[in-house]
PDB file of all heavy atoms in Angstrom:
ATOM      1  N   LYS A   1     152.645  24.337 312.699  1.00  0.00           N
ATOM      2  CA  LYS A   1     151.517  23.507 312.290  1.00  0.00           C
ATOM      3  C   LYS A   1     150.540  24.274 311.398  1.00  0.00           C
ATOM      4  O   LYS A   1     150.284  25.454 311.598  1.00  0.00           O
ATOM      5  CB  LYS A   1     150.778  22.980 313.520  1.00  0.00           C
ATOM      6  CG  LYS A   1     151.620  22.067 314.403  1.00  0.00           C
ATOM      7  CD  LYS A   1     152.049  20.815 313.640  1.00  0.00           C
ATOM      8  CE  LYS A   1     152.881  19.902 314.529  1.00  0.00           C
ATOM      9  NZ  LYS A   1     153.308  18.676 313.810  1.00  0.00           N
ATOM     10  N   HIS A   2     149.993  23.533 310.417  1.00  0.00           N
ATOM     11  CA  HIS A   2     149.014  24.106 309.505  1.00  0.00           C
ATOM     12  C   HIS A   2     147.601  23.821 310.017  1.00  0.00           C
ATOM     13  O   HIS A   2     147.235  22.662 310.227  1.00  0.00           O
ATOM     14  CB  HIS A   2     149.198  23.494 308.108  1.00  0.00           C
ATOM     15  CG  HIS A   2     148.150  23.917 307.116  1.00  0.00           C
ATOM     16  ND1 HIS A   2     147.874  23.169 305.982  1.00  0.00           N
ATOM     17  CD2 HIS A   2     147.301  24.982 307.079  1.00  0.00           C
ATOM     18  CE1 HIS A   2     146.917  23.762 305.302  1.00  0.00           C
ATOM     19  NE2 HIS A   2     146.553  24.868 305.950  1.00  0.00           N
ATOM     20  N   VAL A   3     146.832  24.879 310.241  1.00  0.00           N
ATOM     21  CA  VAL A   3     145.436  24.753 310.667  1.00  0.00           C
ATOM     22  C   VAL A   3     144.543  25.294 309.564  1.00  0.00           C
ATOM     23  O   VAL A   3     144.674  26.455 309.161  1.00  0.00           O
ATOM     24  CB  VAL A   3     145.164  25.525 311.974  1.00  0.00           C
ATOM     25  CG1 VAL A   3     143.713  25.320 312.411  1.00  0.00           C
ATOM     26  CG2 VAL A   3     146.115  25.095 313.079  1.00  0.00           C
ATOM     27  N   GLN A   4     143.650  24.449 309.070  1.00  0.00           N
ATOM     28  CA  GLN A   4     142.682  24.932 308.095  1.00  0.00           C
ATOM     29  C   GLN A   4     141.397  25.308 308.828  1.00  0.00           C
ATOM     30  O   GLN A   4     140.801  24.492 309.542  1.00  0.00           O
ATOM     31  CB  GLN A   4     142.374  23.882 307.029  1.00  0.00           C
ATOM     32  CG  GLN A   4     141.424  24.446 305.949  1.00  0.00           C
ATOM     33  CD  GLN A   4     141.390  23.586 304.703  1.00  0.00           C
ATOM     34  OE1 GLN A   4     141.076  22.413 304.775  1.00  0.00           O
ATOM     35  NE2 GLN A   4     141.709  24.171 303.555  1.00  0.00           N
ATOM     36  N   VAL A   5     140.983  26.540 308.651  1.00  0.00           N
ATOM     37  CA  VAL A   5     139.785  27.069 309.302  1.00  0.00           C
ATOM     38  C   VAL A   5     138.604  26.943 308.351  1.00  0.00           C
ATOM     39  O   VAL A   5     138.676  27.370 307.192  1.00  0.00           O
ATOM     40  CB  VAL A   5     139.986  28.544 309.718  1.00  0.00           C
ATOM     41  CG1 VAL A   5     138.707  29.103 310.345  1.00  0.00           C
ATOM     42  CG2 VAL A   5     141.152  28.671 310.688  1.00  0.00           C
ATOM     43  N   LEU A   6     137.520  26.344 308.832  1.00  0.00           N
ATOM     44  CA  LEU A   6     136.318  26.139 308.036  1.00  0.00           C
ATOM     45  C   LEU A   6     135.267  27.138 308.483  1.00  0.00           C
ATOM     46  O   LEU A   6     134.823  27.123 309.637  1.00  0.00           O
ATOM     47  CB  LEU A   6     135.795  24.706 308.220  1.00  0.00           C
ATOM     48  CG  LEU A   6     136.829  23.589 308.071  1.00  0.00           C
ATOM     49  CD1 LEU A   6     136.169  22.231 308.272  1.00  0.00           C
ATOM     50  CD2 LEU A   6     137.533  23.663 306.734  1.00  0.00           C
ATOM     51  N   LEU A   7     134.872  28.013 307.569  1.00  0.00           N
ATOM     52  CA  LEU A   7     133.935  29.088 307.908  1.00  0.00           C
ATOM     53  C   LEU A   7     132.744  29.064 306.974  1.00  0.00           C
ATOM     54  O   LEU A   7     132.902  29.041 305.751  1.00  0.00           O
ATOM     55  CB  LEU A   7     134.641  30.445 307.831  1.00  0.00           C
ATOM     56  CG  LEU A   7     133.894  31.672 308.361  1.00  0.00           C
ATOM     57  CD1 LEU A   7     134.891  32.726 308.857  1.00  0.00           C
ATOM     58  CD2 LEU A   7     132.990  32.306 307.299  1.00  0.00           C
ATOM     59  N   SER A   8     131.555  29.073 307.554  1.00  0.00           N
ATOM     60  CA  SER A   8     130.327  29.165 306.767  1.00  0.00           C
ATOM     61  C   SER A   8     129.795  30.588 306.875  1.00  0.00           C
ATOM     62  O   SER A   8     129.604  31.107 307.981  1.00  0.00           O
ATOM     63  CB  SER A   8     129.275  28.178 307.289  1.00  0.00           C
ATOM     64  OG  SER A   8     128.048  28.362 306.616  1.00  0.00           O
ATOM     65  N   ALA A   9     129.554  31.215 305.723  1.00  0.00           N
ATOM     66  CA  ALA A   9     129.093  32.606 305.707  1.00  0.00           C
ATOM     67  C   ALA A   9     127.694  32.696 305.115  1.00  0.00           C
ATOM     68  O   ALA A   9     127.383  32.030 304.121  1.00  0.00           O
ATOM     69  CB  ALA A   9     130.056  33.469 304.891  1.00  0.00           C
ATOM     70  N   TYR A  10     126.873  33.522 305.753  1.00  0.00           N
ATOM     71  CA  TYR A  10     125.530  33.776 305.213  1.00  0.00           C
ATOM     72  C   TYR A  10     125.108  35.192 305.609  1.00  0.00           C
ATOM     73  O   TYR A  10     124.921  35.486 306.790  1.00  0.00           O
ATOM     74  CB  TYR A  10     124.518  32.760 305.739  1.00  0.00           C
ATOM     75  CG  TYR A  10     123.088  33.053 305.276  1.00  0.00           C
ATOM     76  CD1 TYR A  10     122.742  32.885 303.930  1.00  0.00           C
ATOM     77  CD2 TYR A  10     122.129  33.501 306.164  1.00  0.00           C
ATOM     78  CE1 TYR A  10     121.458  33.163 303.490  1.00  0.00           C
ATOM     79  CE2 TYR A  10     120.849  33.777 305.738  1.00  0.00           C
ATOM     80  CZ  TYR A  10     120.504  33.606 304.391  1.00  0.00           C
ATOM     81  OH  TYR A  10     119.226  33.890 303.956  1.00  0.00           O
ATOM     82  N   ASN A  11     125.001  36.066 304.609  1.00  0.00           N
ATOM     83  CA  ASN A  11     124.592  37.463 304.840  1.00  0.00           C
ATOM     84  C   ASN A  11     125.371  38.070 306.014  1.00  0.00           C
ATOM     85  O   ASN A  11     124.788  38.662 306.924  1.00  0.00           O
ATOM     86  CB  ASN A  11     123.093  37.547 305.099  1.00  0.00           C
ATOM     87  CG  ASN A  11     122.272  37.236 303.863  1.00  0.00           C
ATOM     88  OD1 ASN A  11     122.805  37.179 302.746  1.00  0.00           O
ATOM     89  ND2 ASN A  11     120.982  37.028 304.034  1.00  0.00           N
ATOM     90  N   GLY A  12     126.667  37.922 305.957  1.00  0.00           N
ATOM     91  CA  GLY A  12     127.499  38.361 307.081  1.00  0.00           C
ATOM     92  C   GLY A  12     128.253  39.648 306.855  1.00  0.00           C
ATOM     93  O   GLY A  12     129.280  39.874 307.502  1.00  0.00           O
ATOM     94  N   GLU A  13     127.779  40.497 305.954  1.00  0.00           N
ATOM     95  CA  GLU A  13     128.538  41.674 305.543  1.00  0.00           C
ATOM     96  C   GLU A  13     128.933  42.595 306.711  1.00  0.00           C
ATOM     97  O   GLU A  13     129.996  43.215 306.675  1.00  0.00           O
ATOM     98  CB  GLU A  13     127.723  42.491 304.529  1.00  0.00           C
ATOM     99  CG  GLU A  13     126.390  42.990 305.060  1.00  0.00           C
ATOM    100  CD  GLU A  13     125.568  43.738 304.028  1.00  0.00           C
ATOM    101  OE1 GLU A  13     126.000  43.795 302.860  1.00  0.00           O
ATOM    102  OE2 GLU A  13     124.498  44.283 304.391  1.00  0.00           O
ATOM    103  N   LYS A  14     128.105  42.641 307.754  1.00  0.00           N
ATOM    104  CA  LYS A  14     128.339  43.609 308.829  1.00  0.00           C
ATOM    105  C   LYS A  14     129.566  43.281 309.661  1.00  0.00           C
ATOM    106  O   LYS A  14     130.325  44.182 310.055  1.00  0.00           O
ATOM    107  CB  LYS A  14     127.103  43.694 309.718  1.00  0.00           C
ATOM    108  CG  LYS A  14     127.125  44.861 310.695  1.00  0.00           C
ATOM    109  CD  LYS A  14     125.788  45.023 311.390  1.00  0.00           C
ATOM    110  CE  LYS A  14     125.808  46.239 312.305  1.00  0.00           C
ATOM    111  NZ  LYS A  14     124.496  46.436 312.991  1.00  0.00           N
ATOM    112  N   TYR A  15     129.783  42.003 309.977  1.00  0.00           N
ATOM    113  CA  TYR A  15     130.854  41.620 310.893  1.00  0.00           C
ATOM    114  C   TYR A  15     131.935  40.747 310.268  1.00  0.00           C
ATOM    115  O   TYR A  15     132.991  40.531 310.876  1.00  0.00           O
ATOM    116  CB  TYR A  15     130.259  40.861 312.089  1.00  0.00           C
ATOM    117  CG  TYR A  15     129.143  41.606 312.792  1.00  0.00           C
ATOM    118  CD1 TYR A  15     127.850  41.092 312.828  1.00  0.00           C
ATOM    119  CD2 TYR A  15     129.398  42.826 313.427  1.00  0.00           C
ATOM    120  CE1 TYR A  15     126.829  41.779 313.472  1.00  0.00           C
ATOM    121  CE2 TYR A  15     128.379  43.509 314.073  1.00  0.00           C
ATOM    122  CZ  TYR A  15     127.094  42.989 314.095  1.00  0.00           C
ATOM    123  OH  TYR A  15     126.088  43.668 314.732  1.00  0.00           O
ATOM    124  N   LEU A  16     131.705  40.231 309.088  1.00  0.00           N
ATOM    125  CA  LEU A  16     132.616  39.275 308.459  1.00  0.00           C
ATOM    126  C   LEU A  16     134.050  39.784 308.310  1.00  0.00           C
ATOM    127  O   LEU A  16     134.998  39.054 308.636  1.00  0.00           O
ATOM    128  CB  LEU A  16     132.050  38.850 307.103  1.00  0.00           C
ATOM    129  CG  LEU A  16     132.844  37.815 306.306  1.00  0.00           C
ATOM    130  CD1 LEU A  16     133.036  36.530 307.106  1.00  0.00           C
ATOM    131  CD2 LEU A  16     132.116  37.509 304.984  1.00  0.00           C
ATOM    132  N   PRO A  17     134.276  41.022 307.832  1.00  0.00           N
ATOM    133  CA  PRO A  17     135.670  41.474 307.674  1.00  0.00           C
ATOM    134  C   PRO A  17     136.465  41.453 308.974  1.00  0.00           C
ATOM    135  O   PRO A  17     137.642  41.061 308.979  1.00  0.00           O
ATOM    136  CB  PRO A  17     135.513  42.903 307.135  1.00  0.00           C
ATOM    137  CG  PRO A  17     134.188  42.888 306.429  1.00  0.00           C
ATOM    138  CD  PRO A  17     133.317  42.010 307.279  1.00  0.00           C
ATOM    139  N   GLN A  18     135.836  41.849 310.077  1.00  0.00           N
ATOM    140  CA  GLN A  18     136.551  41.865 311.356  1.00  0.00           C
ATOM    141  C   GLN A  18     136.929  40.450 311.788  1.00  0.00           C
ATOM    142  O   GLN A  18     138.028  40.225 312.309  1.00  0.00           O
ATOM    143  CB  GLN A  18     135.688  42.536 312.429  1.00  0.00           C
ATOM    144  CG  GLN A  18     136.440  42.825 313.714  1.00  0.00           C
ATOM    145  CD  GLN A  18     135.622  43.629 314.704  1.00  0.00           C
ATOM    146  OE1 GLN A  18     134.411  43.754 314.581  1.00  0.00           O
ATOM    147  NE2 GLN A  18     136.292  44.173 315.712  1.00  0.00           N
ATOM    148  N   GLN A  19     136.043  39.486 311.552  1.00  0.00           N
ATOM    149  CA  GLN A  19     136.362  38.102 311.898  1.00  0.00           C
ATOM    150  C   GLN A  19     137.473  37.560 311.008  1.00  0.00           C
ATOM    151  O   GLN A  19     138.403  36.899 311.486  1.00  0.00           O
ATOM    152  CB  GLN A  19     135.111  37.232 311.796  1.00  0.00           C
ATOM    153  CG  GLN A  19     135.350  35.720 311.876  1.00  0.00           C
ATOM    154  CD  GLN A  19     135.848  35.231 313.218  1.00  0.00           C
ATOM    155  OE1 GLN A  19     136.710  35.856 313.839  1.00  0.00           O
ATOM    156  NE2 GLN A  19     135.323  34.102 313.664  1.00  0.00           N
ATOM    157  N   LEU A  20     137.400  37.814 309.715  1.00  0.00           N
ATOM    158  CA  LEU A  20     138.446  37.334 308.800  1.00  0.00           C
ATOM    159  C   LEU A  20     139.804  37.911 309.185  1.00  0.00           C
ATOM    160  O   LEU A  20     140.822  37.208 309.166  1.00  0.00           O
ATOM    161  CB  LEU A  20     138.097  37.713 307.358  1.00  0.00           C
ATOM    162  CG  LEU A  20     136.907  36.983 306.741  1.00  0.00           C
ATOM    163  CD1 LEU A  20     136.610  37.544 305.349  1.00  0.00           C
ATOM    164  CD2 LEU A  20     137.162  35.482 306.660  1.00  0.00           C
ATOM    165  N   ASP A  21     139.825  39.183 309.548  1.00  0.00           N
ATOM    166  CA  ASP A  21     141.085  39.814 309.952  1.00  0.00           C
ATOM    167  C   ASP A  21     141.650  39.156 311.209  1.00  0.00           C
ATOM    168  O   ASP A  21     142.869  38.970 311.329  1.00  0.00           O
ATOM    169  CB  ASP A  21     140.869  41.311 310.199  1.00  0.00           C
ATOM    170  CG  ASP A  21     140.606  42.081 308.911  1.00  0.00           C
ATOM    171  OD1 ASP A  21     140.923  41.560 307.827  1.00  0.00           O
ATOM    172  OD2 ASP A  21     140.063  43.207 309.000  1.00  0.00           O
ATOM    173  N   SER A  22     140.774  38.802 312.155  1.00  0.00           N
ATOM    174  CA  SER A  22     141.253  38.185 313.396  1.00  0.00           C
ATOM    175  C   SER A  22     141.784  36.773 313.148  1.00  0.00           C
ATOM    176  O   SER A  22     142.709  36.324 313.830  1.00  0.00           O
ATOM    177  CB  SER A  22     140.137  38.161 314.450  1.00  0.00           C
ATOM    178  OG  SER A  22     139.162  37.170 314.186  1.00  0.00           O
ATOM    179  N   ILE A  23     141.224  36.072 312.174  1.00  0.00           N
ATOM    180  CA  ILE A  23     141.720  34.735 311.825  1.00  0.00           C
ATOM    181  C   ILE A  23     143.065  34.843 311.108  1.00  0.00           C
ATOM    182  O   ILE A  23     144.002  34.083 311.387  1.00  0.00           O
ATOM    183  CB  ILE A  23     140.694  33.991 310.955  1.00  0.00           C
ATOM    184  CG1 ILE A  23     139.412  33.727 311.758  1.00  0.00           C
ATOM    185  CG2 ILE A  23     141.273  32.672 310.442  1.00  0.00           C
ATOM    186  CD1 ILE A  23     138.267  33.150 310.924  1.00  0.00           C
ATOM    187  N   LEU A  24     143.172  35.772 310.209  1.00  0.00           N
ATOM    188  CA  LEU A  24     144.424  35.960 309.478  1.00  0.00           C
ATOM    189  C   LEU A  24     145.555  36.444 310.391  1.00  0.00           C
ATOM    190  O   LEU A  24     146.731  36.271 310.058  1.00  0.00           O
ATOM    191  CB  LEU A  24     144.214  36.965 308.339  1.00  0.00           C
ATOM    192  CG  LEU A  24     143.332  36.482 307.177  1.00  0.00           C
ATOM    193  CD1 LEU A  24     142.963  37.638 306.269  1.00  0.00           C
ATOM    194  CD2 LEU A  24     144.023  35.378 306.392  1.00  0.00           C
ATOM    195  N   ALA A  25     145.200  37.016 311.532  1.00  0.00           N
ATOM    196  CA  ALA A  25     146.201  37.545 312.459  1.00  0.00           C
ATOM    197  C   ALA A  25     146.678  36.505 313.474  1.00  0.00           C
ATOM    198  O   ALA A  25     147.452  36.832 314.374  1.00  0.00           O
ATOM    199  CB  ALA A  25     145.634  38.754 313.201  1.00  0.00           C
ATOM    200  N   GLN A  26     146.264  35.248 313.325  1.00  0.00           N
ATOM    201  CA  GLN A  26     146.667  34.204 314.272  1.00  0.00           C
ATOM    202  C   GLN A  26     148.183  34.024 314.288  1.00  0.00           C
ATOM    203  O   GLN A  26     148.829  33.997 313.250  1.00  0.00           O
ATOM    204  CB  GLN A  26     145.985  32.883 313.914  1.00  0.00           C
ATOM    205  CG  GLN A  26     144.478  32.885 314.134  1.00  0.00           C
ATOM    206  CD  GLN A  26     144.110  33.071 315.586  1.00  0.00           C
ATOM    207  OE1 GLN A  26     144.406  32.244 316.439  1.00  0.00           O
ATOM    208  NE2 GLN A  26     143.453  34.185 315.888  1.00  0.00           N
ATOM    209  N   GLU A  27     148.720  33.880 315.498  1.00  0.00           N
ATOM    210  CA  GLU A  27     150.163  33.735 315.678  1.00  0.00           C
ATOM    211  C   GLU A  27     150.532  32.293 316.019  1.00  0.00           C
ATOM    212  O   GLU A  27     149.748  31.571 316.624  1.00  0.00           O
ATOM    213  CB  GLU A  27     150.647  34.668 316.796  1.00  0.00           C
ATOM    214  CG  GLU A  27     150.418  36.143 316.503  1.00  0.00           C
ATOM    215  CD  GLU A  27     150.857  37.039 317.657  1.00  0.00           C
ATOM    216  OE1 GLU A  27     151.014  36.510 318.787  1.00  0.00           O
ATOM    217  OE2 GLU A  27     151.047  38.239 317.431  1.00  0.00           O
ATOM    218  N   GLY A  28     151.719  31.868 315.628  1.00  0.00           N
ATOM    219  CA  GLY A  28     152.252  30.574 316.032  1.00  0.00           C
ATOM    220  C   GLY A  28     151.779  29.391 315.211  1.00  0.00           C
ATOM    221  O   GLY A  28     152.194  28.256 315.471  1.00  0.00           O
ATOM    222  N   VAL A  29     150.926  29.610 314.214  1.00  0.00           N
ATOM    223  CA  VAL A  29     150.449  28.545 313.335  1.00  0.00           C
ATOM    224  C   VAL A  29     150.352  29.087 311.906  1.00  0.00           C
ATOM    225  O   VAL A  29     150.294  30.295 311.697  1.00  0.00           O
ATOM    226  CB  VAL A  29     149.055  28.007 313.762  1.00  0.00           C
ATOM    227  CG1 VAL A  29     149.114  27.302 315.100  1.00  0.00           C
ATOM    228  CG2 VAL A  29     148.027  29.137 313.792  1.00  0.00           C
ATOM    229  N   ARG A  30     150.343  28.177 310.955  1.00  0.00           N
ATOM    230  CA  ARG A  30     150.101  28.564 309.561  1.00  0.00           C
ATOM    231  C   ARG A  30     148.622  28.334 309.261  1.00  0.00           C
ATOM    232  O   ARG A  30     148.118  27.215 309.417  1.00  0.00           O
ATOM    233  CB  ARG A  30     150.976  27.740 308.610  1.00  0.00           C
ATOM    234  CG  ARG A  30     150.808  28.111 307.140  1.00  0.00           C
ATOM    235  CD  ARG A  30     151.929  27.515 306.315  1.00  0.00           C
ATOM    236  NE  ARG A  30     151.912  26.071 306.297  1.00  0.00           N
ATOM    237  CZ  ARG A  30     151.222  25.329 305.405  1.00  0.00           C
ATOM    238  NH1 ARG A  30     150.487  25.922 304.480  1.00  0.00           N
ATOM    239  NH2 ARG A  30     151.293  24.014 305.449  1.00  0.00           N
ATOM    240  N   VAL A  31     147.944  29.379 308.853  1.00  0.00           N
ATOM    241  CA  VAL A  31     146.489  29.331 308.689  1.00  0.00           C
ATOM    242  C   VAL A  31     146.088  29.366 307.223  1.00  0.00           C
ATOM    243  O   VAL A  31     146.657  30.109 306.419  1.00  0.00           O
ATOM    244  CB  VAL A  31     145.817  30.516 309.418  1.00  0.00           C
ATOM    245  CG1 VAL A  31     144.320  30.564 309.116  1.00  0.00           C
ATOM    246  CG2 VAL A  31     146.034  30.418 310.912  1.00  0.00           C
ATOM    247  N   SER A  32     145.119  28.541 306.871  1.00  0.00           N
ATOM    248  CA  SER A  32     144.416  28.676 305.599  1.00  0.00           C
ATOM    249  C   SER A  32     142.924  28.659 305.908  1.00  0.00           C
ATOM    250  O   SER A  32     142.506  28.120 306.932  1.00  0.00           O
ATOM    251  CB  SER A  32     144.776  27.542 304.624  1.00  0.00           C
ATOM    252  OG  SER A  32     144.357  26.289 305.132  1.00  0.00           O
ATOM    253  N   LEU A  33     142.129  29.269 305.045  1.00  0.00           N
ATOM    254  CA  LEU A  33     140.684  29.318 305.259  1.00  0.00           C
ATOM    255  C   LEU A  33     139.955  28.702 304.083  1.00  0.00           C
ATOM    256  O   LEU A  33     140.237  29.028 302.923  1.00  0.00           O
ATOM    257  CB  LEU A  33     140.190  30.758 305.422  1.00  0.00           C
ATOM    258  CG  LEU A  33     140.511  31.479 306.722  1.00  0.00           C
ATOM    259  CD1 LEU A  33     141.736  32.364 306.529  1.00  0.00           C
ATOM    260  CD2 LEU A  33     139.331  32.322 307.168  1.00  0.00           C
ATOM    261  N   LEU A  34     139.009  27.804 304.387  1.00  0.00           N
ATOM    262  CA  LEU A  34     138.078  27.299 303.402  1.00  0.00           C
ATOM    263  C   LEU A  34     136.715  27.853 303.792  1.00  0.00           C
ATOM    264  O   LEU A  34     136.203  27.559 304.871  1.00  0.00           O
ATOM    265  CB  LEU A  34     138.050  25.771 303.387  1.00  0.00           C
ATOM    266  CG  LEU A  34     137.069  25.139 302.393  1.00  0.00           C
ATOM    267  CD1 LEU A  34     137.474  25.487 300.956  1.00  0.00           C
ATOM    268  CD2 LEU A  34     137.016  23.627 302.571  1.00  0.00           C
ATOM    269  N   ILE A  35     136.144  28.686 302.928  1.00  0.00           N
ATOM    270  CA  ILE A  35     134.912  29.398 303.258  1.00  0.00           C
ATOM    271  C   ILE A  35     133.809  28.986 302.303  1.00  0.00           C
ATOM    272  O   ILE A  35     133.998  28.984 301.078  1.00  0.00           O
ATOM    273  CB  ILE A  35     135.116  30.920 303.179  1.00  0.00           C
ATOM    274  CG1 ILE A  35     136.280  31.347 304.090  1.00  0.00           C
ATOM    275  CG2 ILE A  35     133.838  31.662 303.572  1.00  0.00           C
ATOM    276  CD1 ILE A  35     136.672  32.805 303.954  1.00  0.00           C
ATOM    277  N   ARG A  36     132.670  28.632 302.862  1.00  0.00           N
ATOM    278  CA  ARG A  36     131.493  28.302 302.059  1.00  0.00           C
ATOM    279  C   ARG A  36     130.456  29.402 302.209  1.00  0.00           C
ATOM    280  O   ARG A  36     130.008  29.696 303.315  1.00  0.00           O
ATOM    281  CB  ARG A  36     130.879  26.975 302.492  1.00  0.00           C
ATOM    282  CG  ARG A  36     129.685  26.546 301.641  1.00  0.00           C
ATOM    283  CD  ARG A  36     129.088  25.238 302.136  1.00  0.00           C
ATOM    284  NE  ARG A  36     128.054  24.753 301.238  1.00  0.00           N
ATOM    285  CZ  ARG A  36     126.780  25.154 301.270  1.00  0.00           C
ATOM    286  NH1 ARG A  36     126.400  26.044 302.173  1.00  0.00           N
ATOM    287  NH2 ARG A  36     125.904  24.671 300.414  1.00  0.00           N
TER     288      ARG A  36
END
């Protein structure tokens, strides 16, 4: 199954990369991200 993840970012430089990596590492589904 394809899951599109909707993420809103605002001044998130400190923690954003770790969250993006954890989303990209999801197993058992096909992931795409739409980020605003």
